[in-house]
Amino acid sequence: AQTASGEIIHGRNLDYSFTSTLQSLAIVVDFVRNNDTKFTAVTFGPNPTFNTGVRYGMFSVTQDERDRGNMYRNWFDIAVL
């Protein structure tokens, strides 16, 4: 996430070897109440969980990956954890 002036306030690292596939599946979801964005989150494809979430002016959370295990374990972690 970044401010309107471009200052980065949240970063994440997903070191998967299949990033080109993930880029085409990335979905940014804004949670809006009374025309005001309360949270923004990022997920991939049909995954019901979020890898990154931002509550503007408050906090951010993320799931990082550092190329440990195998591809199946990493997909399990995304889908389940």
Protein backbone atom coordinates (compact mmCIF):
# COMPACT_ATOMS: atom_id res chain seq x y z
CA ALA A 1 0.00 0.00 0.00
CA GLN A 2 1.14 3.54 -0.52
CA THR A 3 0.00 7.07 0.15
CA ALA A 4 -1.35 9.37 -2.55
CA SER A 5 2.16 10.88 -2.81
CA GLY A 6 3.70 7.44 -3.44
CA GLU A 7 5.18 6.77 0.02
CA ILE A 8 5.14 3.01 0.65
CA ILE A 9 3.48 2.16 3.96
CA HIS A 10 3.21 -1.60 3.54
CA GLY A 11 5.23 -4.10 1.57
CA ARG A 12 5.19 -7.85 1.22
CA ASN A 13 7.31 -10.57 -0.25
CA LEU A 14 5.85 -13.57 -2.06
CA ASP A 15 8.88 -15.37 -3.51
CA TYR A 16 6.93 -18.00 -5.38
CA SER A 17 8.50 -19.32 -8.57
CA PHE A 18 5.15 -18.95 -10.39
CA THR A 19 4.64 -15.20 -9.96
CA SER A 20 3.44 -14.66 -13.53
CA THR A 21 0.52 -17.00 -12.83
CA LEU A 22 -0.28 -15.25 -9.55
CA GLN A 23 -0.21 -11.83 -11.22
CA SER A 24 -3.04 -12.86 -13.51
CA LEU A 25 -5.07 -14.16 -10.52
CA ALA A 26 -4.55 -11.22 -8.14
CA ILE A 27 -7.73 -9.55 -6.89
CA VAL A 28 -7.87 -6.32 -4.87
CA VAL A 29 -10.97 -6.11 -2.66
CA ASP A 30 -12.15 -2.87 -1.03
CA PHE A 31 -14.50 -3.10 1.95
CA VAL A 32 -16.65 0.01 1.87
CA ARG A 33 -19.15 1.38 4.39
CA ASN A 34 -21.09 4.61 3.81
CA ASN A 35 -18.99 5.38 0.73
CA ASP A 36 -15.76 5.17 2.81
CA THR A 37 -13.15 2.44 2.24
CA LYS A 38 -12.54 0.75 5.60
CA PHE A 39 -10.19 -2.07 4.52
CA THR A 40 -8.39 -3.13 1.36
CA ALA A 41 -7.24 -6.72 0.91
CA VAL A 42 -5.47 -8.78 -1.76
CA THR A 43 -6.17 -12.41 -2.63
CA PHE A 44 -5.53 -14.72 -5.55
CA GLY A 45 -8.22 -16.24 -7.76
CA PRO A 46 -10.98 -18.14 -6.03
CA ASN A 47 -9.07 -18.25 -2.71
CA PRO A 48 -11.48 -17.25 0.13
CA THR A 49 -8.65 -15.93 2.34
CA PHE A 50 -6.48 -12.82 2.06
CA ASN A 51 -2.72 -12.55 1.80
CA THR A 52 -2.61 -8.86 2.60
CA GLY A 53 -4.98 -6.53 4.42
CA VAL A 54 -4.77 -2.80 5.15
CA ARG A 55 -6.87 -0.70 7.52
CA TYR A 56 -5.91 2.80 6.41
CA GLY A 57 -4.43 4.90 9.18
CA MET A 58 -4.39 1.93 11.57
CA PHE A 59 -2.52 -1.26 10.62
CA SER A 60 -1.67 -3.78 7.93
CA VAL A 61 -1.23 -7.55 7.94
CA THR A 62 0.41 -9.84 5.43
CA GLN A 63 1.41 -13.39 4.68
CA ASP A 64 4.99 -13.75 3.48
CA GLU A 65 6.62 -16.64 1.65
CA ARG A 66 10.32 -17.42 1.52
CA ASP A 67 10.62 -20.42 -0.84
CA ARG A 68 10.53 -23.12 1.80
CA GLY A 69 8.96 -26.49 1.21
CA ASN A 70 7.52 -27.46 -2.13
CA MET A 71 4.89 -25.92 -4.37
CA TYR A 72 2.10 -28.13 -3.00
CA ARG A 73 2.85 -27.14 0.59
CA ASN A 74 2.90 -23.45 -0.41
CA TRP A 75 -0.48 -23.79 -2.17
CA PHE A 76 -1.82 -25.57 0.93
CA ASP A 77 -0.63 -22.67 3.08
CA ILE A 78 -2.37 -20.14 0.84
CA ALA A 79 -5.61 -22.12 0.70
CA VAL A 80 -5.85 -23.21 4.32
CA LEU A 81 -3.73 -21.02 6.58
